[in-house]
Amino acid sequence: MSEAIKVLVVEDEPAMRKVITAFFEDFFALEKVKFEIKVYADAMEGLFELNNNGQHYQIIVLDVMLPKISGDEIFNSLLHTNPEVVQRVLFSTASPEIVFDRFNDIELQVLQKPFSFPLFCDKVRKILHN
């Protein structure tokens, strides 16, 4: 038996949390792979989890526009505290230029809201096969 893929999602909007969770359920059902997902509405809780257990997640979805601390600030923190996980990050944002402008020297995976299931699958596959 293979180990489950671990996913962490930091997203404050309830509707987007539901969409992202459903997309992961559908994606991993198609791939016939087990997965575990932790979803945080609170960015500070998500940052705490990443600082303590980030290395255990194969996919990390960060909304950019979050209260308290933004997804790009979480990413910047990871660059300094847990740099081996930054290539596992998938940004979810209506304004991708925020992360592209801030991290223009890093290859990023970004989903522009609203996004389709096929595009979501493409980005997830890129992260898993990186």
N, C-alpha and C. Protein backbone atom coordinates (compact mmCIF):
# COMPACT_ATOMS: atom_id res chain seq x y z
N MET A 1 0.83 -1.18 0.00
CA MET A 1 0.00 0.00 0.00
C MET A 1 0.88 1.25 0.00
N SER A 2 0.55 2.17 -0.86
CA SER A 2 1.32 3.40 -0.91
C SER A 2 0.77 4.39 0.12
N GLU A 3 1.67 5.27 0.54
CA GLU A 3 1.29 6.27 1.52
C GLU A 3 0.41 7.34 0.88
N ALA A 4 -0.48 7.91 1.65
CA ALA A 4 -1.37 8.94 1.15
C ALA A 4 -0.60 10.23 0.89
N ILE A 5 -1.00 10.96 -0.15
CA ILE A 5 -0.43 12.27 -0.44
C ILE A 5 -1.07 13.26 0.52
N LYS A 6 -0.24 14.08 1.12
CA LYS A 6 -0.73 15.04 2.11
C LYS A 6 -0.83 16.42 1.48
N VAL A 7 -2.00 17.03 1.68
CA VAL A 7 -2.33 18.33 1.10
C VAL A 7 -2.69 19.29 2.23
N LEU A 8 -2.17 20.51 2.13
CA LEU A 8 -2.56 21.57 3.07
C LEU A 8 -3.12 22.73 2.26
N VAL A 9 -4.26 23.23 2.69
CA VAL A 9 -4.92 24.35 2.02
C VAL A 9 -5.12 25.47 3.03
N VAL A 10 -4.71 26.69 2.65
CA VAL A 10 -4.97 27.88 3.46
C VAL A 10 -5.82 28.81 2.60
N GLU A 11 -7.10 28.89 2.95
CA GLU A 11 -8.08 29.65 2.16
C GLU A 11 -9.16 30.17 3.10
N ASP A 12 -9.40 31.48 3.09
CA ASP A 12 -10.36 32.05 4.03
C ASP A 12 -11.80 32.04 3.53
N GLU A 13 -12.02 31.92 2.23
CA GLU A 13 -13.38 31.95 1.68
C GLU A 13 -14.01 30.54 1.74
N PRO A 14 -15.14 30.40 2.46
CA PRO A 14 -15.77 29.08 2.58
C PRO A 14 -16.09 28.42 1.24
N ALA A 15 -16.60 29.18 0.28
CA ALA A 15 -16.96 28.60 -1.02
C ALA A 15 -15.72 28.07 -1.74
N MET A 16 -14.61 28.82 -1.67
CA MET A 16 -13.38 28.37 -2.32
C MET A 16 -12.80 27.15 -1.62
N ARG A 17 -12.91 27.10 -0.30
CA ARG A 17 -12.44 25.91 0.43
C ARG A 17 -13.19 24.68 -0.05
N LYS A 18 -14.51 24.81 -0.25
CA LYS A 18 -15.32 23.69 -0.74
C LYS A 18 -14.92 23.28 -2.15
N VAL A 19 -14.71 24.27 -3.03
CA VAL A 19 -14.32 23.98 -4.42
C VAL A 19 -12.97 23.28 -4.45
N ILE A 20 -12.00 23.82 -3.74
CA ILE A 20 -10.65 23.24 -3.75
C ILE A 20 -10.67 21.83 -3.18
N THR A 21 -11.39 21.64 -2.09
CA THR A 21 -11.49 20.30 -1.49
C THR A 21 -12.15 19.32 -2.47
N ALA A 22 -13.23 19.73 -3.11
CA ALA A 22 -13.91 18.87 -4.09
C ALA A 22 -13.00 18.57 -5.28
N PHE A 23 -12.26 19.57 -5.75
CA PHE A 23 -11.33 19.35 -6.86
C PHE A 23 -10.26 18.33 -6.47
N PHE A 24 -9.73 18.42 -5.25
CA PHE A 24 -8.74 17.42 -4.82
C PHE A 24 -9.37 16.04 -4.73
N GLU A 25 -10.59 15.94 -4.20
CA GLU A 25 -11.27 14.64 -4.13
C GLU A 25 -11.42 14.04 -5.52
N ASP A 26 -11.86 14.84 -6.48
CA ASP A 26 -12.04 14.36 -7.85
C ASP A 26 -10.71 14.01 -8.50
N PHE A 27 -9.71 14.86 -8.32
CA PHE A 27 -8.39 14.62 -8.92
C PHE A 27 -7.80 13.30 -8.42
N PHE A 28 -7.77 13.12 -7.10
CA PHE A 28 -7.16 11.91 -6.57
C PHE A 28 -8.00 10.66 -6.84
N ALA A 29 -9.31 10.80 -7.00
CA ALA A 29 -10.15 9.67 -7.41
C ALA A 29 -9.79 9.25 -8.83
N LEU A 30 -9.60 10.24 -9.73
CA LEU A 30 -9.20 9.92 -11.10
C LEU A 30 -7.82 9.27 -11.15
N GLU A 31 -6.93 9.74 -10.30
CA GLU A 31 -5.55 9.22 -10.26
C GLU A 31 -5.46 7.91 -9.47
N LYS A 32 -6.54 7.57 -8.79
CA LYS A 32 -6.59 6.37 -7.93
C LYS A 32 -5.48 6.40 -6.87
N VAL A 33 -5.38 7.55 -6.22
CA VAL A 33 -4.37 7.77 -5.19
C VAL A 33 -5.07 8.22 -3.91
N LYS A 34 -4.59 7.70 -2.79
CA LYS A 34 -5.12 8.13 -1.49
C LYS A 34 -4.53 9.49 -1.13
N PHE A 35 -5.32 10.28 -0.43
CA PHE A 35 -4.81 11.57 0.02
C PHE A 35 -5.43 11.95 1.35
N GLU A 36 -4.74 12.85 2.04
CA GLU A 36 -5.24 13.45 3.28
C GLU A 36 -5.17 14.95 3.07
N ILE A 37 -6.18 15.65 3.53
CA ILE A 37 -6.21 17.10 3.35
C ILE A 37 -6.49 17.79 4.68
N LYS A 38 -5.71 18.83 4.94
CA LYS A 38 -5.97 19.73 6.07
C LYS A 38 -6.27 21.08 5.48
N VAL A 39 -7.36 21.67 5.95
CA VAL A 39 -7.80 22.96 5.42
C VAL A 39 -7.87 23.96 6.57
N TYR A 40 -7.24 25.10 6.35
CA TYR A 40 -7.23 26.16 7.35
C TYR A 40 -7.88 27.41 6.77
N ALA A 41 -8.83 27.97 7.50
CA ALA A 41 -9.43 29.25 7.13
C ALA A 41 -8.59 30.39 7.69
N ASP A 42 -7.89 30.13 8.77
CA ASP A 42 -7.07 31.13 9.44
C ASP A 42 -5.62 31.03 8.96
N ALA A 43 -5.11 32.12 8.38
CA ALA A 43 -3.76 32.12 7.82
C ALA A 43 -2.69 31.88 8.88
N MET A 44 -2.88 32.41 10.07
CA MET A 44 -1.87 32.22 11.12
C MET A 44 -1.80 30.76 11.55
N GLU A 45 -2.93 30.08 11.60
CA GLU A 45 -2.93 28.65 11.92
C GLU A 45 -2.23 27.86 10.81
N GLY A 46 -2.49 28.24 9.55
CA GLY A 46 -1.83 27.59 8.43
C GLY A 46 -0.32 27.80 8.47
N LEU A 47 0.12 29.01 8.77
CA LEU A 47 1.55 29.31 8.89
C LEU A 47 2.17 28.50 10.01
N PHE A 48 1.49 28.42 11.14
CA PHE A 48 1.99 27.62 12.26
C PHE A 48 2.17 26.15 11.84
N GLU A 49 1.16 25.62 11.17
CA GLU A 49 1.24 24.22 10.70
C GLU A 49 2.41 24.04 9.73
N LEU A 50 2.58 24.97 8.81
CA LEU A 50 3.68 24.87 7.84
C LEU A 50 5.04 24.99 8.51
N ASN A 51 5.16 25.87 9.49
CA ASN A 51 6.44 26.01 10.18
C ASN A 51 6.80 24.75 10.96
N ASN A 52 5.77 24.05 11.46
CA ASN A 52 6.03 22.85 12.27
C ASN A 52 6.03 21.56 11.47
N ASN A 53 5.23 21.49 10.41
CA ASN A 53 5.06 20.21 9.69
C ASN A 53 5.08 20.36 8.18
N GLY A 54 5.56 21.47 7.66
CA GLY A 54 5.53 21.72 6.23
C GLY A 54 6.18 20.64 5.39
N GLN A 55 7.23 20.04 5.91
CA GLN A 55 7.95 19.02 5.16
C GLN A 55 7.12 17.77 4.90
N HIS A 56 6.01 17.61 5.62
CA HIS A 56 5.16 16.42 5.45
C HIS A 56 4.11 16.57 4.34
N TYR A 57 3.98 17.76 3.78
CA TYR A 57 2.97 18.00 2.75
C TYR A 57 3.59 17.98 1.36
N GLN A 58 2.92 17.27 0.45
CA GLN A 58 3.37 17.23 -0.94
C GLN A 58 2.78 18.39 -1.75
N ILE A 59 1.64 18.92 -1.32
CA ILE A 59 0.98 20.04 -2.00
C ILE A 59 0.51 21.03 -0.94
N ILE A 60 0.82 22.31 -1.18
CA ILE A 60 0.42 23.38 -0.26
C ILE A 60 -0.29 24.44 -1.09
N VAL A 61 -1.57 24.63 -0.85
CA VAL A 61 -2.35 25.63 -1.59
C VAL A 61 -2.49 26.87 -0.69
N LEU A 62 -2.03 28.01 -1.23
CA LEU A 62 -2.11 29.26 -0.49
C LEU A 62 -2.95 30.28 -1.25
N ASP A 63 -4.02 30.72 -0.62
CA ASP A 63 -4.73 31.89 -1.12
C ASP A 63 -3.78 33.07 -0.89
N VAL A 64 -3.81 34.06 -1.76
CA VAL A 64 -2.91 35.20 -1.60
C VAL A 64 -3.53 36.25 -0.68
N MET A 65 -4.78 36.59 -0.92
CA MET A 65 -5.45 37.65 -0.15
C MET A 65 -6.13 37.04 1.08
N LEU A 66 -5.39 37.02 2.18
CA LEU A 66 -5.88 36.47 3.43
C LEU A 66 -5.84 37.54 4.52
N PRO A 67 -6.75 37.46 5.50
CA PRO A 67 -6.64 38.39 6.64
C PRO A 67 -5.42 38.04 7.49
N LYS A 68 -4.91 38.98 8.22
CA LYS A 68 -3.79 38.84 9.16
C LYS A 68 -2.44 38.74 8.46
N ILE A 69 -2.27 37.75 7.59
CA ILE A 69 -1.03 37.56 6.86
C ILE A 69 -1.38 36.99 5.49
N SER A 70 -0.79 37.52 4.46
CA SER A 70 -1.15 37.09 3.10
C SER A 70 -0.42 35.81 2.72
N GLY A 71 -0.93 35.15 1.69
CA GLY A 71 -0.30 33.94 1.19
C GLY A 71 1.12 34.18 0.70
N ASP A 72 1.37 35.34 0.09
CA ASP A 72 2.73 35.61 -0.37
C ASP A 72 3.66 35.88 0.81
N GLU A 73 3.13 36.40 1.92
CA GLU A 73 3.95 36.55 3.13
C GLU A 73 4.25 35.19 3.75
N ILE A 74 3.29 34.28 3.72
CA ILE A 74 3.54 32.91 4.19
C ILE A 74 4.63 32.28 3.33
N PHE A 75 4.52 32.44 2.01
CA PHE A 75 5.52 31.89 1.09
C PHE A 75 6.90 32.47 1.40
N ASN A 76 6.97 33.78 1.60
CA ASN A 76 8.24 34.43 1.91
C ASN A 76 8.83 33.87 3.21
N SER A 77 7.98 33.62 4.20
CA SER A 77 8.43 33.01 5.44
C SER A 77 9.00 31.61 5.18
N LEU A 78 8.32 30.84 4.33
CA LEU A 78 8.81 29.49 3.99
C LEU A 78 10.17 29.54 3.30
N LEU A 79 10.38 30.55 2.47
CA LEU A 79 11.69 30.70 1.81
C LEU A 79 12.83 30.76 2.83
N HIS A 80 12.54 31.32 4.00
CA HIS A 80 13.57 31.48 5.03
C HIS A 80 13.59 30.35 6.05
N THR A 81 12.43 29.76 6.33
CA THR A 81 12.36 28.77 7.40
C THR A 81 12.28 27.33 6.91
N ASN A 82 11.75 27.12 5.71
CA ASN A 82 11.50 25.77 5.21
C ASN A 82 11.60 25.77 3.68
N PRO A 83 12.76 26.20 3.13
CA PRO A 83 12.87 26.42 1.68
C PRO A 83 12.65 25.18 0.82
N GLU A 84 12.81 23.99 1.39
CA GLU A 84 12.63 22.78 0.58
C GLU A 84 11.17 22.54 0.19
N VAL A 85 10.23 23.25 0.82
CA VAL A 85 8.82 23.03 0.49
C VAL A 85 8.25 24.08 -0.48
N VAL A 86 9.00 25.11 -0.82
CA VAL A 86 8.41 26.18 -1.64
C VAL A 86 7.99 25.70 -3.03
N GLN A 87 8.66 24.68 -3.57
CA GLN A 87 8.26 24.19 -4.88
C GLN A 87 6.99 23.34 -4.83
N ARG A 88 6.45 23.14 -3.63
CA ARG A 88 5.19 22.41 -3.45
C ARG A 88 4.00 23.35 -3.34
N VAL A 89 4.25 24.65 -3.41
CA VAL A 89 3.19 25.65 -3.21
C VAL A 89 2.45 25.92 -4.50
N LEU A 90 1.13 25.95 -4.38
CA LEU A 90 0.24 26.34 -5.46
C LEU A 90 -0.56 27.54 -4.96
N PHE A 91 -0.30 28.71 -5.56
CA PHE A 91 -1.05 29.91 -5.18
C PHE A 91 -2.42 29.90 -5.85
N SER A 92 -3.40 30.40 -5.12
CA SER A 92 -4.76 30.56 -5.62
C SER A 92 -5.12 32.02 -5.42
N THR A 93 -5.33 32.75 -6.53
CA THR A 93 -5.54 34.19 -6.39
C THR A 93 -6.28 34.77 -7.59
N ALA A 94 -6.98 35.85 -7.35
CA ALA A 94 -7.60 36.61 -8.44
C ALA A 94 -6.60 37.58 -9.05
N SER A 95 -5.47 37.80 -8.36
CA SER A 95 -4.46 38.77 -8.80
C SER A 95 -3.07 38.12 -8.85
N PRO A 96 -2.81 37.30 -9.87
CA PRO A 96 -1.53 36.60 -9.91
C PRO A 96 -0.31 37.51 -10.00
N GLU A 97 -0.50 38.73 -10.51
CA GLU A 97 0.64 39.64 -10.62
C GLU A 97 1.28 39.94 -9.27
N ILE A 98 0.52 39.82 -8.19
CA ILE A 98 1.07 40.05 -6.85
C ILE A 98 2.24 39.11 -6.59
N VAL A 99 2.04 37.83 -6.83
CA VAL A 99 3.12 36.87 -6.54
C VAL A 99 4.18 36.87 -7.64
N PHE A 100 3.77 37.04 -8.89
CA PHE A 100 4.77 37.07 -9.97
C PHE A 100 5.70 38.27 -9.82
N ASP A 101 5.17 39.41 -9.42
CA ASP A 101 6.00 40.60 -9.23
C ASP A 101 6.92 40.45 -8.02
N ARG A 102 6.40 39.88 -6.96
CA ARG A 102 7.19 39.76 -5.72
C ARG A 102 8.27 38.70 -5.82
N PHE A 103 7.97 37.60 -6.51
CA PHE A 103 8.91 36.47 -6.59
C PHE A 103 9.27 36.20 -8.05
N ASN A 104 9.75 37.22 -8.74
CA ASN A 104 9.99 37.10 -10.18
C ASN A 104 11.19 36.23 -10.53
N ASP A 105 11.98 35.81 -9.56
CA ASP A 105 13.13 34.96 -9.83
C ASP A 105 12.88 33.49 -9.46
N ILE A 106 11.62 33.16 -9.14
CA ILE A 106 11.26 31.80 -8.73
C ILE A 106 10.15 31.29 -9.64
N GLU A 107 10.27 30.04 -10.07
CA GLU A 107 9.18 29.43 -10.86
C GLU A 107 8.02 29.12 -9.91
N LEU A 108 6.89 29.70 -10.20
CA LEU A 108 5.71 29.56 -9.34
C LEU A 108 4.59 28.83 -10.05
N GLN A 109 3.77 28.13 -9.28
CA GLN A 109 2.53 27.54 -9.78
C GLN A 109 1.39 28.38 -9.23
N VAL A 110 0.63 28.99 -10.15
CA VAL A 110 -0.42 29.92 -9.74
C VAL A 110 -1.72 29.58 -10.48
N LEU A 111 -2.80 29.50 -9.72
CA LEU A 111 -4.13 29.35 -10.29
C LEU A 111 -4.84 30.69 -10.16
N GLN A 112 -5.26 31.23 -11.29
CA GLN A 112 -6.01 32.48 -11.25
C GLN A 112 -7.49 32.18 -11.07
N LYS A 113 -8.07 32.75 -10.00
CA LYS A 113 -9.50 32.56 -9.74
C LYS A 113 -10.31 33.36 -10.73
N PRO A 114 -11.42 32.85 -11.20
CA PRO A 114 -11.88 31.47 -11.04
C PRO A 114 -11.10 30.55 -11.97
N PHE A 115 -10.89 29.31 -11.55
CA PHE A 115 -10.12 28.37 -12.35
C PHE A 115 -10.93 27.11 -12.62
N SER A 116 -10.55 26.44 -13.70
CA SER A 116 -11.26 25.23 -14.12
C SER A 116 -10.61 23.99 -13.50
N PHE A 117 -11.36 22.90 -13.50
CA PHE A 117 -10.83 21.63 -13.02
C PHE A 117 -9.63 21.15 -13.85
N PRO A 118 -9.68 21.21 -15.20
CA PRO A 118 -8.51 20.77 -15.97
C PRO A 118 -7.24 21.58 -15.66
N LEU A 119 -7.37 22.88 -15.47
CA LEU A 119 -6.20 23.70 -15.13
C LEU A 119 -5.70 23.34 -13.73
N PHE A 120 -6.61 23.14 -12.80
CA PHE A 120 -6.27 22.71 -11.45
C PHE A 120 -5.46 21.40 -11.52
N CYS A 121 -5.95 20.43 -12.27
CA CYS A 121 -5.26 19.14 -12.40
C CYS A 121 -3.87 19.30 -12.99
N ASP A 122 -3.74 20.14 -13.99
CA ASP A 122 -2.44 20.40 -14.61
C ASP A 122 -1.44 20.94 -13.59
N LYS A 123 -1.85 21.91 -12.80
CA LYS A 123 -0.97 22.51 -11.79
C LYS A 123 -0.61 21.50 -10.70
N VAL A 124 -1.58 20.71 -10.26
CA VAL A 124 -1.31 19.70 -9.23
C VAL A 124 -0.33 18.66 -9.74
N ARG A 125 -0.50 18.22 -10.98
CA ARG A 125 0.43 17.25 -11.56
C ARG A 125 1.86 17.81 -11.64
N LYS A 126 1.98 19.08 -12.01
CA LYS A 126 3.30 19.72 -12.07
C LYS A 126 3.99 19.69 -10.71
N ILE A 127 3.24 19.97 -9.67
CA ILE A 127 3.82 19.96 -8.33
C ILE A 127 4.20 18.55 -7.92
N LEU A 128 3.32 17.60 -8.16
CA LEU A 128 3.60 16.21 -7.75
C LEU A 128 4.78 15.60 -8.50
N HIS A 129 5.00 16.03 -9.74
CA HIS A 129 6.06 15.44 -10.54
C HIS A 129 7.33 16.29 -10.54
N ASN A 130 7.36 17.30 -9.72
CA ASN A 130 8.53 18.19 -9.63
C ASN A 130 9.64 17.53 -8.86
